[in-house]
Amino acid sequence: MSRTIRTARLRRGVLCALAAAAGTIALAVPASAHVTVSPAEAAAGGYATLSFKVPTESDTASTTGIDVQFPTDAPIASVTVQPKPGWTYKVTKGAPPAPLTVHGSQVSEIVTRITWTAQDGGGIKPGEFDTFSVSAGPLPEKGDQVVFKTLQTYSDGEVVRWVDVAAADAAEPEHPAPTVTLTTAAAAGHDDDGDGDDTAGTSGSIEYTAATESDSTSDGTARALGITGLVLGVLGLAAGAFALITTRRRA
């Protein structure tokens, strides 16, 4: 076999390895961003400031409407909305499906949905995101999560339904609904006066410790950077080996 043929085959092998490594990098990065809610965990029976993070995934249209549906099977008695410049909001209320008592008082109506609408042709432009916050509580004391099914409307009329709920031990669905996992009282923040401040506090004899989105975000970022660094290292080794062998062949 001639030196030229061996070199050509070696070059093809290295290029294939580089392509495979590039594919690994692509798989290590999430394909798309979802509408999410933070904190991801909150104390059962406590209060929390919930922030819905909404990215615009369209390349040509802006997000102009957000419709967050609150669960009626696990109702939240008190919900207040943080005003947002450039957006109007509408709070829809209804009677709870079953008698609901909070702090010794009967609750006759609950929030069933909140709809935000962009004003004057505004909205969330392609490649951008924004957050929409409410103070809510008490969170349900039963169950392991609270699901907020959300509809995202674009300026071109498209509506993306973030309403899928993953089954236990199943892969994440294509359009997962924003979900808060309920924890024991000591594991999440508490906003006892409903002012949107989730600092550590108490409710009765229960103590709460603040929890933030940054912890989980930092973990995910560290994992992504670690995977990317590993793949880049492989790319560097492959490129170095190719250069070394090519140099020897030319010698």
C-alpha atoms as a PDB file:
ATOM      1  CA  MET A   1       0.000   0.000   0.000  1.00  0.00           C
ATOM      2  CA  SER A   2       1.443   3.378  -0.999  1.00  0.00           C
ATOM      3  CA  ARG A   3       2.148   6.141   1.454  1.00  0.00           C
ATOM      4  CA  THR A   4      -0.434   8.367  -0.268  1.00  0.00           C
ATOM      5  CA  ILE A   5      -3.243   5.803   0.214  1.00  0.00           C
ATOM      6  CA  ARG A   6      -2.301   5.213   3.849  1.00  0.00           C
ATOM      7  CA  THR A   7      -2.277   8.940   4.521  1.00  0.00           C
ATOM      8  CA  ALA A   8      -5.660   9.421   2.835  1.00  0.00           C
ATOM      9  CA  ARG A   9      -7.209   6.627   4.881  1.00  0.00           C
ATOM     10  CA  LEU A  10      -5.718   8.014   8.070  1.00  0.00           C
ATOM     11  CA  ARG A  11      -7.107  11.448   7.241  1.00  0.00           C
ATOM     12  CA  ARG A  12     -10.583  10.023   6.673  1.00  0.00           C
ATOM     13  CA  GLY A  13     -10.425   8.155   9.992  1.00  0.00           C
ATOM     14  CA  VAL A  14      -9.449  11.271  11.914  1.00  0.00           C
ATOM     15  CA  LEU A  15     -12.193  13.308  10.219  1.00  0.00           C
ATOM     16  CA  CYS A  16     -14.751  10.653  11.176  1.00  0.00           C
ATOM     17  CA  ALA A  17     -13.569  10.805  14.782  1.00  0.00           C
ATOM     18  CA  LEU A  18     -13.851  14.593  14.777  1.00  0.00           C
ATOM     19  CA  ALA A  19     -17.376  14.391  13.346  1.00  0.00           C
ATOM     20  CA  ALA A  20     -18.418  11.876  15.992  1.00  0.00           C
ATOM     21  CA  ALA A  21     -17.001  14.069  18.742  1.00  0.00           C
ATOM     22  CA  ALA A  22     -18.867  17.083  17.352  1.00  0.00           C
ATOM     23  CA  GLY A  23     -22.057  15.050  17.416  1.00  0.00           C
ATOM     24  CA  THR A  24     -21.436  14.235  21.053  1.00  0.00           C
ATOM     25  CA  ILE A  25     -21.195  17.944  21.849  1.00  0.00           C
ATOM     26  CA  ALA A  26     -24.493  18.570  20.069  1.00  0.00           C
ATOM     27  CA  LEU A  27     -26.191  15.847  22.085  1.00  0.00           C
ATOM     28  CA  ALA A  28     -24.770  17.209  25.343  1.00  0.00           C
ATOM     29  CA  VAL A  29     -26.565  20.547  24.817  1.00  0.00           C
ATOM     30  CA  PRO A  30     -30.363  20.630  25.253  1.00  0.00           C
ATOM     31  CA  ALA A  31     -32.213  20.771  21.930  1.00  0.00           C
ATOM     32  CA  SER A  32     -34.592  23.478  23.084  1.00  0.00           C
ATOM     33  CA  ALA A  33     -35.603  25.526  26.075  1.00  0.00           C
ATOM     34  CA  HIS A  34     -38.865  24.932  27.916  1.00  0.00           C
ATOM     35  CA  VAL A  35     -41.249  27.108  29.872  1.00  0.00           C
ATOM     36  CA  THR A  36     -40.265  26.384  33.480  1.00  0.00           C
ATOM     37  CA  VAL A  37     -41.105  27.524  36.987  1.00  0.00           C
ATOM     38  CA  SER A  38     -38.758  28.256  39.864  1.00  0.00           C
ATOM     39  CA  PRO A  39     -38.119  27.291  42.523  1.00  0.00           C
ATOM     40  CA  ALA A  40     -38.225  23.713  41.289  1.00  0.00           C
ATOM     41  CA  GLU A  41     -38.951  22.618  44.874  1.00  0.00           C
ATOM     42  CA  ALA A  42     -41.096  24.232  47.568  1.00  0.00           C
ATOM     43  CA  ALA A  43     -42.441  23.329  50.979  1.00  0.00           C
ATOM     44  CA  ALA A  44     -45.792  21.572  51.120  1.00  0.00           C
ATOM     45  CA  GLY A  45     -48.219  23.822  52.966  1.00  0.00           C
ATOM     46  CA  GLY A  46     -45.911  26.843  52.642  1.00  0.00           C
ATOM     47  CA  TYR A  47     -45.860  30.032  50.579  1.00  0.00           C
ATOM     48  CA  ALA A  48     -43.527  30.719  47.646  1.00  0.00           C
ATOM     49  CA  THR A  49     -42.790  33.268  44.967  1.00  0.00           C
ATOM     50  CA  LEU A  50     -43.199  31.376  41.700  1.00  0.00           C
ATOM     51  CA  SER A  51     -41.379  32.705  38.636  1.00  0.00           C
ATOM     52  CA  PHE A  52     -42.345  31.347  35.234  1.00  0.00           C
ATOM     53  CA  LYS A  53     -39.427  31.568  32.807  1.00  0.00           C
ATOM     54  CA  VAL A  54     -40.559  31.896  29.188  1.00  0.00           C
ATOM     55  CA  PRO A  55     -38.069  31.655  26.287  1.00  0.00           C
ATOM     56  CA  THR A  56     -39.032  32.464  22.700  1.00  0.00           C
ATOM     57  CA  GLU A  57     -38.000  29.508  20.545  1.00  0.00           C
ATOM     58  CA  SER A  58     -39.344  30.862  17.257  1.00  0.00           C
ATOM     59  CA  ASP A  59     -36.830  32.449  14.875  1.00  0.00           C
ATOM     60  CA  THR A  60     -39.399  34.796  13.340  1.00  0.00           C
ATOM     61  CA  ALA A  61     -42.155  35.514  15.904  1.00  0.00           C
ATOM     62  CA  SER A  62     -42.331  37.028  19.379  1.00  0.00           C
ATOM     63  CA  THR A  63     -44.090  35.617  22.437  1.00  0.00           C
ATOM     64  CA  THR A  64     -47.154  37.797  23.017  1.00  0.00           C
ATOM     65  CA  GLY A  65     -49.232  35.759  25.473  1.00  0.00           C
ATOM     66  CA  ILE A  66     -48.753  33.460  28.464  1.00  0.00           C
ATOM     67  CA  ASP A  67     -51.668  31.537  29.986  1.00  0.00           C
ATOM     68  CA  VAL A  68     -50.761  29.736  33.222  1.00  0.00           C
ATOM     69  CA  GLN A  69     -53.411  27.345  34.521  1.00  0.00           C
ATOM     70  CA  PHE A  70     -53.519  26.687  38.260  1.00  0.00           C
ATOM     71  CA  PRO A  71     -54.554  23.203  39.429  1.00  0.00           C
ATOM     72  CA  THR A  72     -58.099  22.878  40.743  1.00  0.00           C
ATOM     73  CA  ASP A  73     -57.563  19.391  42.149  1.00  0.00           C
ATOM     74  CA  ALA A  74     -54.895  20.833  44.464  1.00  0.00           C
ATOM     75  CA  PRO A  75     -56.051  24.466  44.799  1.00  0.00           C
ATOM     76  CA  ILE A  76     -53.937  27.356  46.044  1.00  0.00           C
ATOM     77  CA  ALA A  77     -56.034  29.743  48.111  1.00  0.00           C
ATOM     78  CA  SER A  78     -53.996  32.942  47.770  1.00  0.00           C
ATOM     79  CA  VAL A  79     -52.271  34.168  44.602  1.00  0.00           C
ATOM     80  CA  THR A  80     -51.026  37.716  43.994  1.00  0.00           C
ATOM     81  CA  VAL A  81     -49.402  38.923  40.763  1.00  0.00           C
ATOM     82  CA  GLN A  82     -46.270  41.023  40.407  1.00  0.00           C
ATOM     83  CA  PRO A  83     -46.989  43.800  37.849  1.00  0.00           C
ATOM     84  CA  LYS A  84     -44.843  43.665  34.723  1.00  0.00           C
ATOM     85  CA  PRO A  85     -44.123  46.699  32.508  1.00  0.00           C
ATOM     86  CA  GLY A  86     -45.280  46.197  28.923  1.00  0.00           C
ATOM     87  CA  TRP A  87     -47.767  43.469  29.871  1.00  0.00           C
ATOM     88  CA  THR A  88     -51.324  43.332  31.148  1.00  0.00           C
ATOM     89  CA  TYR A  89     -52.673  40.407  33.134  1.00  0.00           C
ATOM     90  CA  LYS A  90     -56.048  38.857  33.886  1.00  0.00           C
ATOM     91  CA  VAL A  91     -56.771  36.667  36.903  1.00  0.00           C
ATOM     92  CA  THR A  92     -59.567  34.125  36.496  1.00  0.00           C
ATOM     93  CA  LYS A  93     -61.169  32.705  39.635  1.00  0.00           C
ATOM     94  CA  GLY A  94     -63.650  29.972  40.397  1.00  0.00           C
ATOM     95  CA  ALA A  95     -65.155  28.008  43.254  1.00  0.00           C
ATOM     96  CA  PRO A  96     -62.992  25.193  44.669  1.00  0.00           C
ATOM     97  CA  PRO A  97     -64.221  21.719  43.687  1.00  0.00           C
ATOM     98  CA  ALA A  98     -64.441  20.772  47.379  1.00  0.00           C
ATOM     99  CA  PRO A  99     -64.728  22.787  50.616  1.00  0.00           C
ATOM    100  CA  LEU A 100     -61.410  24.499  51.337  1.00  0.00           C
ATOM    101  CA  THR A 101     -60.379  25.934  54.687  1.00  0.00           C
ATOM    102  CA  VAL A 102     -57.176  27.940  55.177  1.00  0.00           C
ATOM    103  CA  HIS A 103     -56.038  29.239  58.567  1.00  0.00           C
ATOM    104  CA  GLY A 104     -59.452  28.440  59.970  1.00  0.00           C
ATOM    105  CA  SER A 105     -61.384  30.415  57.315  1.00  0.00           C
ATOM    106  CA  GLN A 106     -63.549  29.024  54.531  1.00  0.00           C
ATOM    107  CA  VAL A 107     -62.262  29.854  51.027  1.00  0.00           C
ATOM    108  CA  SER A 108     -65.053  30.508  48.508  1.00  0.00           C
ATOM    109  CA  GLU A 109     -62.970  31.076  45.376  1.00  0.00           C
ATOM    110  CA  ILE A 110     -59.548  30.165  44.053  1.00  0.00           C
ATOM    111  CA  VAL A 111     -57.365  31.309  41.165  1.00  0.00           C
ATOM    112  CA  THR A 112     -57.775  28.977  38.186  1.00  0.00           C
ATOM    113  CA  ARG A 113     -55.600  30.777  35.632  1.00  0.00           C
ATOM    114  CA  ILE A 114     -53.538  33.898  35.017  1.00  0.00           C
ATOM    115  CA  THR A 115     -53.123  35.288  31.512  1.00  0.00           C
ATOM    116  CA  TRP A 116     -50.426  37.801  30.561  1.00  0.00           C
ATOM    117  CA  THR A 117     -50.740  39.745  27.280  1.00  0.00           C
ATOM    118  CA  ALA A 118     -48.061  41.927  25.668  1.00  0.00           C
ATOM    119  CA  GLN A 119     -49.008  45.544  25.003  1.00  0.00           C
ATOM    120  CA  ASP A 120     -48.611  47.631  21.833  1.00  0.00           C
ATOM    121  CA  GLY A 121     -46.915  45.035  19.644  1.00  0.00           C
ATOM    122  CA  GLY A 122     -44.351  44.152  22.303  1.00  0.00           C
ATOM    123  CA  GLY A 123     -43.490  40.759  23.707  1.00  0.00           C
ATOM    124  CA  ILE A 124     -40.487  38.483  24.028  1.00  0.00           C
ATOM    125  CA  LYS A 125     -38.430  38.657  20.850  1.00  0.00           C
ATOM    126  CA  PRO A 126     -36.713  35.664  19.171  1.00  0.00           C
ATOM    127  CA  GLY A 127     -33.632  34.586  21.119  1.00  0.00           C
ATOM    128  CA  GLU A 128     -34.837  36.281  24.322  1.00  0.00           C
ATOM    129  CA  PHE A 129     -36.646  35.186  27.474  1.00  0.00           C
ATOM    130  CA  ASP A 130     -38.573  36.826  30.289  1.00  0.00           C
ATOM    131  CA  THR A 131     -40.055  35.885  33.670  1.00  0.00           C
ATOM    132  CA  PHE A 132     -43.524  36.299  35.167  1.00  0.00           C
ATOM    133  CA  SER A 133     -43.864  36.115  38.947  1.00  0.00           C
ATOM    134  CA  VAL A 134     -46.637  35.471  41.458  1.00  0.00           C
ATOM    135  CA  SER A 135     -46.753  34.938  45.208  1.00  0.00           C
ATOM    136  CA  ALA A 136     -48.794  31.843  46.041  1.00  0.00           C
ATOM    137  CA  GLY A 137     -49.838  29.745  49.010  1.00  0.00           C
ATOM    138  CA  PRO A 138     -50.474  27.789  50.969  1.00  0.00           C
ATOM    139  CA  LEU A 139     -49.186  25.143  48.585  1.00  0.00           C
ATOM    140  CA  PRO A 140     -50.963  21.763  48.791  1.00  0.00           C
ATOM    141  CA  GLU A 141     -50.024  19.587  51.726  1.00  0.00           C
ATOM    142  CA  LYS A 142     -50.909  16.381  49.889  1.00  0.00           C
ATOM    143  CA  GLY A 143     -49.313  15.012  46.758  1.00  0.00           C
ATOM    144  CA  ASP A 144     -45.746  15.253  45.559  1.00  0.00           C
ATOM    145  CA  GLN A 145     -45.963  18.021  42.957  1.00  0.00           C
ATOM    146  CA  VAL A 146     -47.969  20.958  41.629  1.00  0.00           C
ATOM    147  CA  VAL A 147     -48.387  21.167  37.846  1.00  0.00           C
ATOM    148  CA  PHE A 148     -48.997  24.483  36.060  1.00  0.00           C
ATOM    149  CA  LYS A 149     -50.095  23.730  32.504  1.00  0.00           C
ATOM    150  CA  THR A 150     -49.136  26.687  30.320  1.00  0.00           C
ATOM    151  CA  LEU A 151     -50.063  27.964  26.853  1.00  0.00           C
ATOM    152  CA  GLN A 152     -47.540  30.146  25.008  1.00  0.00           C
ATOM    153  CA  THR A 153     -48.905  32.327  22.184  1.00  0.00           C
ATOM    154  CA  TYR A 154     -46.715  33.777  19.416  1.00  0.00           C
ATOM    155  CA  SER A 155     -47.268  36.884  17.309  1.00  0.00           C
ATOM    156  CA  ASP A 156     -47.875  34.723  14.220  1.00  0.00           C
ATOM    157  CA  GLY A 157     -50.774  32.942  15.937  1.00  0.00           C
ATOM    158  CA  GLU A 158     -48.939  29.748  16.898  1.00  0.00           C
ATOM    159  CA  VAL A 159     -49.825  28.355  20.329  1.00  0.00           C
ATOM    160  CA  VAL A 160     -47.406  25.998  22.084  1.00  0.00           C
ATOM    161  CA  ARG A 161     -49.045  23.858  24.761  1.00  0.00           C
ATOM    162  CA  TRP A 162     -46.705  23.146  27.674  1.00  0.00           C
ATOM    163  CA  VAL A 163     -49.135  20.679  29.244  1.00  0.00           C
ATOM    164  CA  ASP A 164     -47.489  17.247  29.215  1.00  0.00           C
ATOM    165  CA  VAL A 165     -46.836  15.512  32.522  1.00  0.00           C
ATOM    166  CA  ALA A 166     -44.162  12.814  32.589  1.00  0.00           C
ATOM    167  CA  ALA A 167     -45.096   9.459  34.043  1.00  0.00           C
ATOM    168  CA  ALA A 168     -42.951   8.010  36.810  1.00  0.00           C
ATOM    169  CA  ASP A 169     -39.566   6.773  35.550  1.00  0.00           C
ATOM    170  CA  ALA A 170     -40.443   7.929  32.018  1.00  0.00           C
ATOM    171  CA  ALA A 171     -38.504  10.183  29.684  1.00  0.00           C
ATOM    172  CA  GLU A 172     -39.295  13.891  29.677  1.00  0.00           C
ATOM    173  CA  PRO A 173     -42.163  14.643  27.282  1.00  0.00           C
ATOM    174  CA  GLU A 174     -41.755  16.966  24.329  1.00  0.00           C
ATOM    175  CA  HIS A 175     -43.730  19.809  25.931  1.00  0.00           C
ATOM    176  CA  PRO A 176     -43.438  19.367  29.719  1.00  0.00           C
ATOM    177  CA  ALA A 177     -45.670  21.458  31.956  1.00  0.00           C
ATOM    178  CA  PRO A 178     -43.918  23.685  34.531  1.00  0.00           C
ATOM    179  CA  THR A 179     -43.863  21.686  37.768  1.00  0.00           C
ATOM    180  CA  VAL A 180     -42.971  22.378  41.396  1.00  0.00           C
ATOM    181  CA  THR A 181     -41.965  19.377  43.492  1.00  0.00           C
ATOM    182  CA  LEU A 182     -43.380  19.497  47.013  1.00  0.00           C
ATOM    183  CA  THR A 183     -40.951  18.812  49.832  1.00  0.00           C
ATOM    184  CA  THR A 184     -41.042  18.702  53.611  1.00  0.00           C
ATOM    185  CA  ALA A 185     -41.335  22.119  55.225  1.00  0.00           C
ATOM    186  CA  ALA A 186     -37.651  22.333  56.209  1.00  0.00           C
ATOM    187  CA  ALA A 187     -36.497  21.812  52.608  1.00  0.00           C
ATOM    188  CA  ALA A 188     -37.893  24.898  50.865  1.00  0.00           C
ATOM    189  CA  GLY A 189     -38.458  28.656  51.228  1.00  0.00           C
ATOM    190  CA  HIS A 190     -41.474  30.284  52.889  1.00  0.00           C
ATOM    191  CA  ASP A 191     -43.246  33.571  52.276  1.00  0.00           C
ATOM    192  CA  ASP A 192     -45.610  33.797  55.230  1.00  0.00           C
ATOM    193  CA  ASP A 193     -46.842  37.332  54.624  1.00  0.00           C
ATOM    194  CA  GLY A 194     -47.309  36.904  50.868  1.00  0.00           C
ATOM    195  CA  ASP A 195     -45.005  39.793  49.971  1.00  0.00           C
ATOM    196  CA  GLY A 196     -42.925  37.776  47.542  1.00  0.00           C
ATOM    197  CA  ASP A 197     -39.941  37.452  49.858  1.00  0.00           C
ATOM    198  CA  ASP A 198     -38.913  33.801  50.151  1.00  0.00           C
ATOM    199  CA  THR A 199     -36.374  34.287  52.932  1.00  0.00           C
ATOM    200  CA  ALA A 200     -36.144  31.861  55.808  1.00  0.00           C
ATOM    201  CA  GLY A 201     -39.086  32.078  58.177  1.00  0.00           C
ATOM    202  CA  THR A 202     -41.531  30.165  60.282  1.00  0.00           C
ATOM    203  CA  SER A 203     -45.184  29.222  60.119  1.00  0.00           C
ATOM    204  CA  GLY A 204     -46.464  27.925  63.437  1.00  0.00           C
ATOM    205  CA  SER A 205     -43.878  25.423  64.641  1.00  0.00           C
ATOM    206  CA  ILE A 206     -42.433  24.739  61.161  1.00  0.00           C
ATOM    207  CA  GLU A 207     -39.175  26.262  60.060  1.00  0.00           C
ATOM    208  CA  TYR A 208     -38.381  27.005  56.433  1.00  0.00           C
ATOM    209  CA  THR A 209     -35.053  27.461  54.707  1.00  0.00           C
ATOM    210  CA  ALA A 210     -34.727  29.484  51.526  1.00  0.00           C
ATOM    211  CA  ALA A 211     -34.110  27.613  48.288  1.00  0.00           C
ATOM    212  CA  THR A 212     -33.070  29.218  44.999  1.00  0.00           C
ATOM    213  CA  GLU A 213     -33.052  28.268  41.341  1.00  0.00           C
ATOM    214  CA  SER A 214     -29.331  29.044  41.075  1.00  0.00           C
ATOM    215  CA  ASP A 215     -28.301  25.829  42.831  1.00  0.00           C
ATOM    216  CA  SER A 216     -29.907  23.506  40.289  1.00  0.00           C
ATOM    217  CA  THR A 217     -28.929  25.828  37.437  1.00  0.00           C
ATOM    218  CA  SER A 218     -25.283  25.789  38.561  1.00  0.00           C
ATOM    219  CA  ASP A 219     -25.267  21.991  38.762  1.00  0.00           C
ATOM    220  CA  GLY A 220     -26.666  21.682  35.255  1.00  0.00           C
ATOM    221  CA  THR A 221     -24.196  24.230  33.893  1.00  0.00           C
ATOM    222  CA  ALA A 222     -21.268  22.438  35.563  1.00  0.00           C
ATOM    223  CA  ARG A 223     -22.314  19.116  34.056  1.00  0.00           C
ATOM    224  CA  ALA A 224     -22.671  20.647  30.595  1.00  0.00           C
ATOM    225  CA  LEU A 225     -19.262  22.348  30.839  1.00  0.00           C
ATOM    226  CA  GLY A 226     -17.686  19.111  32.075  1.00  0.00           C
ATOM    227  CA  ILE A 227     -19.054  17.131  29.130  1.00  0.00           C
ATOM    228  CA  THR A 228     -18.030  19.840  26.684  1.00  0.00           C
ATOM    229  CA  GLY A 229     -14.522  19.976  28.155  1.00  0.00           C
ATOM    230  CA  LEU A 230     -14.151  16.203  27.874  1.00  0.00           C
ATOM    231  CA  VAL A 231     -15.229  16.191  24.240  1.00  0.00           C
ATOM    232  CA  LEU A 232     -12.947  19.122  23.402  1.00  0.00           C
ATOM    233  CA  GLY A 233     -10.100  17.198  24.990  1.00  0.00           C
ATOM    234  CA  VAL A 234     -10.805  14.250  22.717  1.00  0.00           C
ATOM    235  CA  LEU A 235     -10.895  16.609  19.734  1.00  0.00           C
ATOM    236  CA  GLY A 236      -7.524  18.024  20.738  1.00  0.00           C
ATOM    237  CA  LEU A 237      -5.945  14.575  21.090  1.00  0.00           C
ATOM    238  CA  ALA A 238      -7.312  13.485  17.720  1.00  0.00           C
ATOM    239  CA  ALA A 239      -6.060  16.622  16.002  1.00  0.00           C
ATOM    240  CA  GLY A 240      -2.639  16.254  17.642  1.00  0.00           C
ATOM    241  CA  ALA A 241      -2.342  12.611  16.608  1.00  0.00           C
ATOM    242  CA  PHE A 242      -3.284  13.499  13.049  1.00  0.00           C
ATOM    243  CA  ALA A 243      -0.692  16.265  12.906  1.00  0.00           C
ATOM    244  CA  LEU A 244       2.028  14.003  14.360  1.00  0.00           C
ATOM    245  CA  ILE A 245       1.365  11.140  11.959  1.00  0.00           C
ATOM    246  CA  THR A 246       1.178  13.479   8.966  1.00  0.00           C
ATOM    247  CA  THR A 247       4.519  15.021   9.932  1.00  0.00           C
ATOM    248  CA  ARG A 248       6.135  11.581  10.211  1.00  0.00           C
ATOM    249  CA  ARG A 249       4.752  10.509   6.862  1.00  0.00           C
ATOM    250  CA  ARG A 250       6.255  13.564   5.211  1.00  0.00           C
ATOM    251  CA  ALA A 251       9.649  13.000   6.869  1.00  0.00           C
END
